Amino acid sequence: MEALLVCPACQGDVAPSADFYRCATCGTAYPIRHGIPDFRLWPDEYVSIGDELAKIDRLFAPPAATFRQLLTRYYDLSPESPRRLNARYVAAIENSATRDAALLRKLRSAFPDVGRGRFLDLGCGTAALALAASKEFSEVVAVDAALRWLLVARQRLSEAGPPAVGVALICANAEALPFRAGSFDAVMSDSVLEHVRDSRLMRQETLKVLRPGGAFLFTTNNRFSILPEPHVRILGFGFIPRRWMEPAAHVLRKTPYKARLHSRRELRRLFRGTGRVELPVYEPGELGERNERARRIWEVMRHIPLVRWMMGPFVPQYFITGTKT
């Protein structure tokens, strides 16, 4: 793993010590926090690094015995999260392994020639996608800008046992990855594109770390979805002008709002020449029992050309796929 790592600021070689990695070119030191290398050039937008470390101390005191206990405690310690939605968030994260295994099959279906060497779960959260990939790829790396989520992910992977416990966890920004060019056979990212500061840089970094012939698959929520916005569960929220979204979220849900959902038109412009923006296709059971009826209806409707044309700009989610030439 260490042979893959470079300085995200200058791409220079980095050398490890007990407490940090230091760049031989620019001299920047990247700390190792709670056993996880921290290559972030900036913190995530929801919390400073100092506040995050304090939250981690509270999260693990006393130590939680299970992944679910950690999840529940995390949201109990997050007053900025709407309490009425906490149970929904916990359930969605617990069930994410089923969905992300289905996403991995979509990658295989779209790109059957992709190798089984090295896989990157970009913006991994609790690493459900990395967990699924660990059964198919010889080496799996999971990256997130939130150290707190990586520690929760470590508990999930530990409970899963081999080969999941071999997943490498790295704290880094999706727009400044600490990996050598051409390091990965596949990169996948589930509902992350709308959370980065610069989606163009995330696309560029993804293509940089892919080997020639390597493939990527992103999912992202649609700004103009006919369903409630998934982070605040408010119908029509995406139609609000962007500058009003965070004030509206504070008033209506008492929560900050940093997401920047894209429309289909914006995504097509962003990935022009590098990837395809596609309507979603879901496997039976992928969305859970609660949404199975809606999934079956969509499975019928998406085959009707007029419906595809009318519904295309308003579906809840898009898949973006591409290869590095």
C-alpha atoms as a PDB file:
ATOM      1  CA  MET A   1       0.000   0.000   0.000  1.00  0.00           C
ATOM      2  CA  GLU A   2       2.743   2.471   0.914  1.00  0.00           C
ATOM      3  CA  ALA A   3       4.203   2.210  -2.595  1.00  0.00           C
ATOM      4  CA  LEU A   4       0.999   3.810  -3.935  1.00  0.00           C
ATOM      5  CA  LEU A   5       1.096   6.861  -1.685  1.00  0.00           C
ATOM      6  CA  VAL A   6       2.270  10.303  -2.783  1.00  0.00           C
ATOM      7  CA  CYS A   7       1.871  13.832  -1.480  1.00  0.00           C
ATOM      8  CA  PRO A   8      -1.567  15.110  -2.571  1.00  0.00           C
ATOM      9  CA  ALA A   9      -0.210  18.666  -2.785  1.00  0.00           C
ATOM     10  CA  CYS A  10       2.812  18.125  -5.040  1.00  0.00           C
ATOM     11  CA  GLN A  11       2.795  14.405  -5.982  1.00  0.00           C
ATOM     12  CA  GLY A  12       6.171  13.917  -4.329  1.00  0.00           C
ATOM     13  CA  ASP A  13       7.188  10.685  -2.619  1.00  0.00           C
ATOM     14  CA  VAL A  14       6.192  10.313   1.028  1.00  0.00           C
ATOM     15  CA  ALA A  15       8.068   8.421   3.727  1.00  0.00           C
ATOM     16  CA  PRO A  16       6.306   6.942   6.782  1.00  0.00           C
ATOM     17  CA  SER A  17       7.310   7.236  10.425  1.00  0.00           C
ATOM     18  CA  ALA A  18       5.517   6.214  13.589  1.00  0.00           C
ATOM     19  CA  ASP A  19       3.283   9.305  13.671  1.00  0.00           C
ATOM     20  CA  PHE A  20       3.161  10.806  10.186  1.00  0.00           C
ATOM     21  CA  TYR A  21       4.077  10.657   6.502  1.00  0.00           C
ATOM     22  CA  ARG A  22       6.442  13.357   5.248  1.00  0.00           C
ATOM     23  CA  CYS A  23       6.777  14.512   1.641  1.00  0.00           C
ATOM     24  CA  ALA A  24      10.369  14.388   0.414  1.00  0.00           C
ATOM     25  CA  THR A  25       9.689  17.172  -2.102  1.00  0.00           C
ATOM     26  CA  CYS A  26       7.682  19.877  -0.306  1.00  0.00           C
ATOM     27  CA  GLY A  27       8.252  18.775   3.288  1.00  0.00           C
ATOM     28  CA  THR A  28       4.572  18.596   4.243  1.00  0.00           C
ATOM     29  CA  ALA A  29       3.848  16.215   7.124  1.00  0.00           C
ATOM     30  CA  TYR A  30       0.623  14.235   7.124  1.00  0.00           C
ATOM     31  CA  PRO A  31      -0.341  12.835  10.542  1.00  0.00           C
ATOM     32  CA  ILE A  32      -1.470   9.316  11.336  1.00  0.00           C
ATOM     33  CA  ARG A  33      -4.582   9.685  13.497  1.00  0.00           C
ATOM     34  CA  HIS A  34      -6.078   6.696  15.298  1.00  0.00           C
ATOM     35  CA  GLY A  35      -4.030   4.448  13.040  1.00  0.00           C
ATOM     36  CA  ILE A  36      -5.319   6.035   9.802  1.00  0.00           C
ATOM     37  CA  PRO A  37      -3.095   8.190   7.546  1.00  0.00           C
ATOM     38  CA  ASP A  38      -4.611  11.680   7.205  1.00  0.00           C
ATOM     39  CA  PHE A  39      -3.707  13.193   3.823  1.00  0.00           C
ATOM     40  CA  ARG A  40      -6.402  15.873   3.816  1.00  0.00           C
ATOM     41  CA  LEU A  41      -5.495  19.267   2.396  1.00  0.00           C
ATOM     42  CA  TRP A  42      -8.671  20.684   3.966  1.00  0.00           C
ATOM     43  CA  PRO A  43     -11.346  19.330   6.360  1.00  0.00           C
ATOM     44  CA  ASP A  44     -14.840  18.459   5.261  1.00  0.00           C
ATOM     45  CA  GLU A  45     -17.268  21.355   5.276  1.00  0.00           C
ATOM     46  CA  TYR A  46     -19.320  20.251   8.269  1.00  0.00           C
ATOM     47  CA  VAL A  47     -16.693  20.283  11.028  1.00  0.00           C
ATOM     48  CA  SER A  48     -13.156  21.515  11.722  1.00  0.00           C
ATOM     49  CA  ILE A  49     -10.424  18.936  12.320  1.00  0.00           C
ATOM     50  CA  GLY A  50     -10.168  19.957  15.976  1.00  0.00           C
ATOM     51  CA  ASP A  51     -13.903  19.592  16.535  1.00  0.00           C
ATOM     52  CA  GLU A  52     -13.882  16.303  14.664  1.00  0.00           C
ATOM     53  CA  LEU A  53     -11.155  14.868  16.906  1.00  0.00           C
ATOM     54  CA  ALA A  54     -13.120  15.944  19.972  1.00  0.00           C
ATOM     55  CA  LYS A  55     -16.223  14.244  18.575  1.00  0.00           C
ATOM     56  CA  ILE A  56     -14.230  11.072  17.936  1.00  0.00           C
ATOM     57  CA  ASP A  57     -13.131  11.046  21.585  1.00  0.00           C
ATOM     58  CA  ARG A  58     -16.768  11.224  22.680  1.00  0.00           C
ATOM     59  CA  LEU A  59     -17.826   8.659  20.094  1.00  0.00           C
ATOM     60  CA  PHE A  60     -15.428   6.026  21.438  1.00  0.00           C
ATOM     61  CA  ALA A  61     -15.791   6.748  25.153  1.00  0.00           C
ATOM     62  CA  PRO A  62     -16.821   4.262  26.320  1.00  0.00           C
ATOM     63  CA  PRO A  63     -15.875   1.917  23.473  1.00  0.00           C
ATOM     64  CA  ALA A  64     -18.862   0.744  21.457  1.00  0.00           C
ATOM     65  CA  ALA A  65     -19.233  -3.003  21.054  1.00  0.00           C
ATOM     66  CA  THR A  66     -20.893  -3.086  17.631  1.00  0.00           C
ATOM     67  CA  PHE A  67     -21.130  -1.210  14.365  1.00  0.00           C
ATOM     68  CA  ARG A  68     -24.795  -0.429  15.010  1.00  0.00           C
ATOM     69  CA  GLN A  69     -24.034   0.979  18.448  1.00  0.00           C
ATOM     70  CA  LEU A  70     -21.451   3.279  16.913  1.00  0.00           C
ATOM     71  CA  LEU A  71     -23.934   4.481  14.295  1.00  0.00           C
ATOM     72  CA  THR A  72     -26.619   5.202  16.877  1.00  0.00           C
ATOM     73  CA  ARG A  73     -24.150   6.998  19.151  1.00  0.00           C
ATOM     74  CA  TYR A  74     -22.816   9.022  16.225  1.00  0.00           C
ATOM     75  CA  TYR A  75     -26.212  10.520  15.487  1.00  0.00           C
ATOM     76  CA  ASP A  76     -26.940  11.003  19.190  1.00  0.00           C
ATOM     77  CA  LEU A  77     -23.775  13.149  19.275  1.00  0.00           C
ATOM     78  CA  SER A  78     -24.815  15.111  16.165  1.00  0.00           C
ATOM     79  CA  PRO A  79     -27.367  17.767  17.152  1.00  0.00           C
ATOM     80  CA  GLU A  80     -27.007  19.280  13.678  1.00  0.00           C
ATOM     81  CA  SER A  81     -28.668  16.156  12.275  1.00  0.00           C
ATOM     82  CA  PRO A  82     -32.500  16.280  12.347  1.00  0.00           C
ATOM     83  CA  ARG A  83     -33.434  13.837  15.124  1.00  0.00           C
ATOM     84  CA  ARG A  84     -36.600  12.800  13.341  1.00  0.00           C
ATOM     85  CA  LEU A  85     -34.434  11.455  10.514  1.00  0.00           C
ATOM     86  CA  ASN A  86     -31.765   9.691  12.597  1.00  0.00           C
ATOM     87  CA  ALA A  87     -33.465   6.286  12.602  1.00  0.00           C
ATOM     88  CA  ARG A  88     -33.866   6.529   8.809  1.00  0.00           C
ATOM     89  CA  TYR A  89     -30.166   7.353   8.404  1.00  0.00           C
ATOM     90  CA  VAL A  90     -29.066   4.441  10.604  1.00  0.00           C
ATOM     91  CA  ALA A  91     -31.308   1.982   8.745  1.00  0.00           C
ATOM     92  CA  ALA A  92     -30.072   3.213   5.357  1.00  0.00           C
ATOM     93  CA  ILE A  93     -26.433   2.790   6.372  1.00  0.00           C
ATOM     94  CA  GLU A  94     -27.042  -0.673   7.797  1.00  0.00           C
ATOM     95  CA  ASN A  95     -28.750  -1.741   4.565  1.00  0.00           C
ATOM     96  CA  SER A  96     -26.149  -0.139   2.302  1.00  0.00           C
ATOM     97  CA  ALA A  97     -24.182  -3.372   1.916  1.00  0.00           C
ATOM     98  CA  THR A  98     -26.970  -4.898  -0.196  1.00  0.00           C
ATOM     99  CA  ARG A  99     -27.204  -1.843  -2.417  1.00  0.00           C
ATOM    100  CA  ASP A 100     -23.453  -1.464  -2.859  1.00  0.00           C
ATOM    101  CA  ALA A 101     -23.023  -5.130  -3.770  1.00  0.00           C
ATOM    102  CA  ALA A 102     -25.585  -4.493  -6.520  1.00  0.00           C
ATOM    103  CA  LEU A 103     -23.620  -1.429  -7.667  1.00  0.00           C
ATOM    104  CA  LEU A 104     -20.510  -3.556  -7.955  1.00  0.00           C
ATOM    105  CA  ARG A 105     -22.400  -5.987 -10.189  1.00  0.00           C
ATOM    106  CA  LYS A 106     -23.413  -3.019 -12.370  1.00  0.00           C
ATOM    107  CA  LEU A 107     -19.753  -2.141 -12.809  1.00  0.00           C
ATOM    108  CA  ARG A 108     -18.970  -5.724 -13.823  1.00  0.00           C
ATOM    109  CA  SER A 109     -21.887  -5.782 -16.227  1.00  0.00           C
ATOM    110  CA  ALA A 110     -20.894  -2.499 -17.882  1.00  0.00           C
ATOM    111  CA  PHE A 111     -17.157  -3.279 -17.976  1.00  0.00           C
ATOM    112  CA  PRO A 112     -16.617  -7.061 -17.956  1.00  0.00           C
ATOM    113  CA  ASP A 113     -12.944  -6.702 -18.906  1.00  0.00           C
ATOM    114  CA  VAL A 114     -11.988  -4.642 -15.847  1.00  0.00           C
ATOM    115  CA  GLY A 115      -9.322  -6.454 -13.875  1.00  0.00           C
ATOM    116  CA  ARG A 116      -9.627  -7.716 -10.315  1.00  0.00           C
ATOM    117  CA  GLY A 117      -6.455  -6.144  -9.012  1.00  0.00           C
ATOM    118  CA  ARG A 118      -6.904  -2.871  -7.155  1.00  0.00           C
ATOM    119  CA  PHE A 119     -10.184  -1.102  -6.274  1.00  0.00           C
ATOM    120  CA  LEU A 120     -10.863   2.367  -4.834  1.00  0.00           C
ATOM    121  CA  ASP A 121     -14.010   3.175  -2.843  1.00  0.00           C
ATOM    122  CA  LEU A 122     -14.010   6.964  -3.128  1.00  0.00           C
ATOM    123  CA  GLY A 123     -15.944   8.790  -0.403  1.00  0.00           C
ATOM    124  CA  CYS A 124     -16.484   5.483   1.328  1.00  0.00           C
ATOM    125  CA  GLY A 125     -18.495   6.559   4.391  1.00  0.00           C
ATOM    126  CA  THR A 126     -18.907   3.339   6.375  1.00  0.00           C
ATOM    127  CA  ALA A 127     -17.209   1.331   3.582  1.00  0.00           C
ATOM    128  CA  ALA A 128     -20.136  -0.836   2.454  1.00  0.00           C
ATOM    129  CA  LEU A 129     -18.844  -0.683  -1.112  1.00  0.00           C
ATOM    130  CA  ALA A 130     -15.307  -1.568  -0.016  1.00  0.00           C
ATOM    131  CA  LEU A 131     -16.761  -4.491   1.914  1.00  0.00           C
ATOM    132  CA  ALA A 132     -18.413  -5.850  -1.237  1.00  0.00           C
ATOM    133  CA  ALA A 133     -15.312  -5.192  -3.352  1.00  0.00           C
ATOM    134  CA  SER A 134     -13.026  -7.015  -0.903  1.00  0.00           C
ATOM    135  CA  LYS A 135     -14.615 -10.281  -2.073  1.00  0.00           C
ATOM    136  CA  GLU A 136     -13.730  -9.615  -5.718  1.00  0.00           C
ATOM    137  CA  PHE A 137     -10.540  -7.536  -5.830  1.00  0.00           C
ATOM    138  CA  SER A 138      -7.121  -8.500  -4.539  1.00  0.00           C
ATOM    139  CA  GLU A 139      -6.537  -5.069  -2.977  1.00  0.00           C
ATOM    140  CA  VAL A 140      -9.152  -2.553  -1.820  1.00  0.00           C
ATOM    141  CA  VAL A 141      -8.612   1.021  -0.637  1.00  0.00           C
ATOM    142  CA  ALA A 142     -11.338   3.108   0.994  1.00  0.00           C
ATOM    143  CA  VAL A 143     -11.018   6.902   1.124  1.00  0.00           C
ATOM    144  CA  ASP A 144     -13.104   9.515   2.900  1.00  0.00           C
ATOM    145  CA  ALA A 145     -12.594  13.131   3.969  1.00  0.00           C
ATOM    146  CA  ALA A 146     -14.257  12.388   7.327  1.00  0.00           C
ATOM    147  CA  LEU A 147     -11.932  10.603   9.733  1.00  0.00           C
ATOM    148  CA  ARG A 148     -14.875   9.915  12.055  1.00  0.00           C
ATOM    149  CA  TRP A 149     -16.629   7.871   9.371  1.00  0.00           C
ATOM    150  CA  LEU A 150     -13.479   5.914   8.613  1.00  0.00           C
ATOM    151  CA  LEU A 151     -13.300   4.830  12.258  1.00  0.00           C
ATOM    152  CA  VAL A 152     -16.915   3.679  12.087  1.00  0.00           C
ATOM    153  CA  ALA A 153     -16.050   1.906   8.824  1.00  0.00           C
ATOM    154  CA  ARG A 154     -13.171   0.124  10.532  1.00  0.00           C
ATOM    155  CA  GLN A 155     -15.617  -1.346  13.040  1.00  0.00           C
ATOM    156  CA  ARG A 156     -17.887  -2.514  10.198  1.00  0.00           C
ATOM    157  CA  LEU A 157     -15.010  -4.164   8.345  1.00  0.00           C
ATOM    158  CA  SER A 158     -13.718  -5.767  11.529  1.00  0.00           C
ATOM    159  CA  GLU A 159     -17.100  -7.371  12.198  1.00  0.00           C
ATOM    160  CA  ALA A 160     -17.229  -8.663   8.603  1.00  0.00           C
ATOM    161  CA  GLY A 161     -13.949 -10.556   9.034  1.00  0.00           C
ATOM    162  CA  PRO A 162     -11.637 -11.645   6.194  1.00  0.00           C
ATOM    163  CA  PRO A 163     -11.122 -10.415   3.528  1.00  0.00           C
ATOM    164  CA  ALA A 164     -12.783  -7.128   4.570  1.00  0.00           C
ATOM    165  CA  VAL A 165     -10.343  -6.534   7.429  1.00  0.00           C
ATOM    166  CA  GLY A 166      -7.608  -6.143   4.818  1.00  0.00           C
ATOM    167  CA  VAL A 167      -9.194  -3.002   3.332  1.00  0.00           C
ATOM    168  CA  ALA A 168      -6.816  -0.017   3.599  1.00  0.00           C
ATOM    169  CA  LEU A 169      -8.430   3.105   5.074  1.00  0.00           C
ATOM    170  CA  ILE A 170      -7.099   6.524   4.039  1.00  0.00           C
ATOM    171  CA  CYS A 171      -8.354   9.968   5.051  1.00  0.00           C
ATOM    172  CA  ALA A 172      -8.109  12.300   2.036  1.00  0.00           C
ATOM    173  CA  ASN A 173     -10.052  14.677  -0.172  1.00  0.00           C
ATOM    174  CA  ALA A 174     -11.611  13.299  -3.351  1.00  0.00           C
ATOM    175  CA  GLU A 175     -10.288  16.356  -5.183  1.00  0.00           C
ATOM    176  CA  ALA A 176      -6.654  15.721  -4.087  1.00  0.00           C
ATOM    177  CA  LEU A 177      -5.939  12.006  -3.877  1.00  0.00           C
ATOM    178  CA  PRO A 178      -2.645  10.755  -2.376  1.00  0.00           C
ATOM    179  CA  PHE A 179      -2.081   8.008  -4.961  1.00  0.00           C
ATOM    180  CA  ARG A 180       0.225   7.572  -7.917  1.00  0.00           C
ATOM    181  CA  ALA A 181      -1.250   7.898 -11.383  1.00  0.00           C
ATOM    182  CA  GLY A 182      -2.573   4.665 -12.857  1.00  0.00           C
ATOM    183  CA  SER A 183      -2.846   2.849  -9.531  1.00  0.00           C
ATOM    184  CA  PHE A 184      -6.383   1.405  -9.746  1.00  0.00           C
ATOM    185  CA  ASP A 185      -8.334  -0.950 -11.972  1.00  0.00           C
ATOM    186  CA  ALA A 186     -11.682   0.463 -10.834  1.00  0.00           C
ATOM    187  CA  VAL A 187     -12.987   3.462  -8.899  1.00  0.00           C
ATOM    188  CA  MET A 188     -16.519   3.653  -7.542  1.00  0.00           C
ATOM    189  CA  SER A 189     -18.271   6.401  -5.623  1.00  0.00           C
ATOM    190  CA  ASP A 190     -21.800   6.221  -4.240  1.00  0.00           C
ATOM    191  CA  SER A 191     -23.614   9.550  -3.669  1.00  0.00           C
ATOM    192  CA  VAL A 192     -20.402  11.537  -3.107  1.00  0.00           C
ATOM    193  CA  LEU A 193     -20.147  13.828  -6.140  1.00  0.00           C
ATOM    194  CA  GLU A 194     -22.680  16.220  -4.610  1.00  0.00           C
ATOM    195  CA  HIS A 195     -20.626  16.570  -1.408  1.00  0.00           C
ATOM    196  CA  VAL A 196     -17.234  17.653  -2.716  1.00  0.00           C
ATOM    197  CA  ARG A 197     -16.063  21.240  -3.060  1.00  0.00           C
ATOM    198  CA  ASP A 198     -15.175  20.838  -6.733  1.00  0.00           C
ATOM    199  CA  SER A 199     -16.791  18.020  -8.719  1.00  0.00           C
ATOM    200  CA  ARG A 200     -14.515  18.718 -11.711  1.00  0.00           C
ATOM    201  CA  LEU A 201     -11.442  18.051  -9.604  1.00  0.00           C
ATOM    202  CA  MET A 202     -13.001  14.832  -8.301  1.00  0.00           C
ATOM    203  CA  ARG A 203     -13.550  13.697 -11.893  1.00  0.00           C
ATOM    204  CA  GLN A 204      -9.968  14.629 -12.838  1.00  0.00           C
ATOM    205  CA  GLU A 205      -8.460  12.866  -9.825  1.00  0.00           C
ATOM    206  CA  THR A 206     -10.494   9.746 -10.564  1.00  0.00           C
ATOM    207  CA  LEU A 207      -9.187   9.593 -14.113  1.00  0.00           C
ATOM    208  CA  LYS A 208      -5.653  10.281 -12.907  1.00  0.00           C
ATOM    209  CA  VAL A 209      -5.509   7.326 -10.507  1.00  0.00           C
ATOM    210  CA  LEU A 210      -7.155   4.880 -12.938  1.00  0.00           C
ATOM    211  CA  ARG A 211      -4.901   2.733 -15.083  1.00  0.00           C
ATOM    212  CA  PRO A 212      -5.490   2.877 -18.866  1.00  0.00           C
ATOM    213  CA  GLY A 213      -8.557   0.746 -19.519  1.00  0.00           C
ATOM    214  CA  GLY A 214      -9.713   1.108 -15.925  1.00  0.00           C
ATOM    215  CA  ALA A 215     -13.343   1.998 -15.260  1.00  0.00           C
ATOM    216  CA  PHE A 216     -15.348   4.172 -12.899  1.00  0.00           C
ATOM    217  CA  LEU A 217     -18.948   4.201 -11.739  1.00  0.00           C
ATOM    218  CA  PHE A 218     -20.455   7.105  -9.795  1.00  0.00           C
ATOM    219  CA  THR A 219     -23.959   7.512  -8.473  1.00  0.00           C
ATOM    220  CA  THR A 220     -25.326  10.915  -7.590  1.00  0.00           C
ATOM    221  CA  ASN A 221     -28.679  12.257  -6.503  1.00  0.00           C
ATOM    222  CA  ASN A 222     -30.587  14.474  -8.917  1.00  0.00           C
ATOM    223  CA  ARG A 223     -31.156  18.077  -7.934  1.00  0.00           C
ATOM    224  CA  PHE A 224     -34.541  18.128  -9.668  1.00  0.00           C
ATOM    225  CA  SER A 225     -35.829  14.779  -8.426  1.00  0.00           C
ATOM    226  CA  ILE A 226     -39.561  14.196  -8.139  1.00  0.00           C
ATOM    227  CA  LEU A 227     -38.861  12.661  -4.699  1.00  0.00           C
ATOM    228  CA  PRO A 228     -37.914  14.564  -1.518  1.00  0.00           C
ATOM    229  CA  GLU A 229     -34.305  15.743  -1.342  1.00  0.00           C
ATOM    230  CA  PRO A 230     -32.503  12.801   0.371  1.00  0.00           C
ATOM    231  CA  HIS A 231     -30.490  14.797   2.922  1.00  0.00           C
ATOM    232  CA  VAL A 232     -33.306  16.911   4.368  1.00  0.00           C
ATOM    233  CA  ARG A 233     -36.331  14.944   3.073  1.00  0.00           C
ATOM    234  CA  ILE A 234     -38.077  18.045   1.704  1.00  0.00           C
ATOM    235  CA  LEU A 235     -40.078  17.766  -1.528  1.00  0.00           C
ATOM    236  CA  GLY A 236     -39.007  20.246  -4.198  1.00  0.00           C
ATOM    237  CA  PHE A 237     -35.945  21.388  -2.213  1.00  0.00           C
ATOM    238  CA  GLY A 238     -33.716  21.188  -5.295  1.00  0.00           C
ATOM    239  CA  PHE A 239     -35.774  23.816  -7.095  1.00  0.00           C
ATOM    240  CA  ILE A 240     -34.803  26.418  -4.495  1.00  0.00           C
ATOM    241  CA  PRO A 241     -32.006  28.749  -5.713  1.00  0.00           C
ATOM    242  CA  ARG A 242     -28.692  27.428  -4.400  1.00  0.00           C
ATOM    243  CA  ARG A 243     -27.954  30.502  -2.300  1.00  0.00           C
ATOM    244  CA  TRP A 244     -31.179  29.926  -0.358  1.00  0.00           C
ATOM    245  CA  MET A 245     -30.728  26.209   0.290  1.00  0.00           C
ATOM    246  CA  GLU A 246     -28.681  26.347   3.480  1.00  0.00           C
ATOM    247  CA  PRO A 247     -30.839  29.056   5.114  1.00  0.00           C
ATOM    248  CA  ALA A 248     -33.933  27.016   4.198  1.00  0.00           C
ATOM    249  CA  ALA A 249     -32.413  23.853   5.692  1.00  0.00           C
ATOM    250  CA  HIS A 250     -31.659  25.718   8.929  1.00  0.00           C
ATOM    251  CA  VAL A 251     -35.227  27.002   9.150  1.00  0.00           C
ATOM    252  CA  LEU A 252     -37.053  23.849   8.096  1.00  0.00           C
ATOM    253  CA  ARG A 253     -34.781  21.114   9.485  1.00  0.00           C
ATOM    254  CA  LYS A 254     -32.452  22.950  11.915  1.00  0.00           C
ATOM    255  CA  THR A 255     -29.464  21.485  10.078  1.00  0.00           C
ATOM    256  CA  PRO A 256     -26.594  22.797   7.918  1.00  0.00           C
ATOM    257  CA  TYR A 257     -26.732  22.010   4.215  1.00  0.00           C
ATOM    258  CA  LYS A 258     -23.501  21.827   2.194  1.00  0.00           C
ATOM    259  CA  ALA A 259     -24.542  19.464  -0.602  1.00  0.00           C
ATOM    260  CA  ARG A 260     -24.524  20.639  -4.196  1.00  0.00           C
ATOM    261  CA  LEU A 261     -26.753  18.333  -6.182  1.00  0.00           C
ATOM    262  CA  HIS A 262     -26.392  18.407  -9.970  1.00  0.00           C
ATOM    263  CA  SER A 263     -29.050  18.320 -12.642  1.00  0.00           C
ATOM    264  CA  ARG A 264     -28.775  15.943 -15.593  1.00  0.00           C
ATOM    265  CA  ARG A 265     -27.757  18.832 -17.821  1.00  0.00           C
ATOM    266  CA  GLU A 266     -24.965  19.816 -15.418  1.00  0.00           C
ATOM    267  CA  LEU A 267     -23.725  16.235 -15.182  1.00  0.00           C
ATOM    268  CA  ARG A 268     -23.651  15.804 -18.956  1.00  0.00           C
ATOM    269  CA  ARG A 269     -21.598  18.965 -19.234  1.00  0.00           C
ATOM    270  CA  LEU A 270     -19.268  17.862 -16.420  1.00  0.00           C
ATOM    271  CA  PHE A 271     -18.588  14.405 -17.897  1.00  0.00           C
ATOM    272  CA  ARG A 272     -18.652  15.291 -21.584  1.00  0.00           C
ATOM    273  CA  GLY A 273     -16.058  13.153 -23.340  1.00  0.00           C
ATOM    274  CA  THR A 274     -15.204  11.143 -20.216  1.00  0.00           C
ATOM    275  CA  GLY A 275     -18.374   9.378 -19.071  1.00  0.00           C
ATOM    276  CA  ARG A 276     -22.032   8.599 -19.723  1.00  0.00           C
ATOM    277  CA  VAL A 277     -24.887   9.889 -17.568  1.00  0.00           C
ATOM    278  CA  GLU A 278     -27.485   7.120 -17.390  1.00  0.00           C
ATOM    279  CA  LEU A 279     -30.913   6.601 -15.876  1.00  0.00           C
ATOM    280  CA  PRO A 280     -30.866   4.291 -12.858  1.00  0.00           C
ATOM    281  CA  VAL A 281     -31.529   0.558 -13.080  1.00  0.00           C
ATOM    282  CA  TYR A 282     -32.093  -1.319  -9.816  1.00  0.00           C
ATOM    283  CA  GLU A 283     -32.023  -5.008  -8.973  1.00  0.00           C
ATOM    284  CA  PRO A 284     -34.888  -6.679  -7.082  1.00  0.00           C
ATOM    285  CA  GLY A 285     -34.443  -5.973  -3.391  1.00  0.00           C
ATOM    286  CA  GLU A 286     -31.692  -3.412  -3.947  1.00  0.00           C
ATOM    287  CA  LEU A 287     -33.755  -0.525  -2.562  1.00  0.00           C
ATOM    288  CA  GLY A 288     -35.279  -2.477   0.317  1.00  0.00           C
ATOM    289  CA  GLU A 289     -38.774  -3.818   0.857  1.00  0.00           C
ATOM    290  CA  ARG A 290     -40.200  -0.353   1.422  1.00  0.00           C
ATOM    291  CA  ASN A 291     -39.316   0.739  -2.110  1.00  0.00           C
ATOM    292  CA  GLU A 292     -39.722  -2.544  -3.963  1.00  0.00           C
ATOM    293  CA  ARG A 293     -43.089  -1.664  -5.462  1.00  0.00           C
ATOM    294  CA  ALA A 294     -41.764   1.647  -6.784  1.00  0.00           C
ATOM    295  CA  ARG A 295     -38.744  -0.190  -8.212  1.00  0.00           C
ATOM    296  CA  ARG A 296     -40.977  -2.628 -10.116  1.00  0.00           C
ATOM    297  CA  ILE A 297     -43.066   0.232 -11.516  1.00  0.00           C
ATOM    298  CA  TRP A 298     -39.933   2.048 -12.665  1.00  0.00           C
ATOM    299  CA  GLU A 299     -38.581  -1.137 -14.236  1.00  0.00           C
ATOM    300  CA  VAL A 300     -41.655  -1.220 -16.493  1.00  0.00           C
ATOM    301  CA  MET A 301     -41.770   2.521 -17.171  1.00  0.00           C
ATOM    302  CA  ARG A 302     -38.130   2.950 -18.110  1.00  0.00           C
ATOM    303  CA  HIS A 303     -38.633   0.756 -21.192  1.00  0.00           C
ATOM    304  CA  ILE A 304     -41.269   3.138 -22.619  1.00  0.00           C
ATOM    305  CA  PRO A 305     -39.492   5.766 -24.781  1.00  0.00           C
ATOM    306  CA  LEU A 306     -41.979   8.564 -24.044  1.00  0.00           C
ATOM    307  CA  VAL A 307     -41.751   7.952 -20.306  1.00  0.00           C
ATOM    308  CA  ARG A 308     -37.948   7.904 -20.449  1.00  0.00           C
ATOM    309  CA  TRP A 309     -37.978  11.219 -22.284  1.00  0.00           C
ATOM    310  CA  MET A 310     -40.439  12.829 -19.855  1.00  0.00           C
ATOM    311  CA  MET A 311     -38.988  11.398 -16.650  1.00  0.00           C
ATOM    312  CA  GLY A 312     -35.304  11.675 -17.585  1.00  0.00           C
ATOM    313  CA  PRO A 313     -34.699  15.098 -15.987  1.00  0.00           C
ATOM    314  CA  PHE A 314     -36.624  14.209 -12.792  1.00  0.00           C
ATOM    315  CA  VAL A 315     -35.494  10.711 -11.739  1.00  0.00           C
ATOM    316  CA  PRO A 316     -34.125  10.515  -8.172  1.00  0.00           C
ATOM    317  CA  GLN A 317     -30.625   9.449  -9.156  1.00  0.00           C
ATOM    318  CA  TYR A 318     -28.177   9.075 -12.038  1.00  0.00           C
ATOM    319  CA  PHE A 319     -25.408   6.575 -12.740  1.00  0.00           C
ATOM    320  CA  ILE A 320     -22.240   7.857 -14.424  1.00  0.00           C
ATOM    321  CA  THR A 321     -19.906   5.350 -16.035  1.00  0.00           C
ATOM    322  CA  GLY A 322     -16.714   5.655 -18.016  1.00  0.00           C
ATOM    323  CA  THR A 323     -13.262   4.300 -18.766  1.00  0.00           C
ATOM    324  CA  LYS A 324      -9.819   5.800 -18.972  1.00  0.00           C
ATOM    325  CA  THR A 325      -8.457   5.645 -22.502  1.00  0.00           C
END
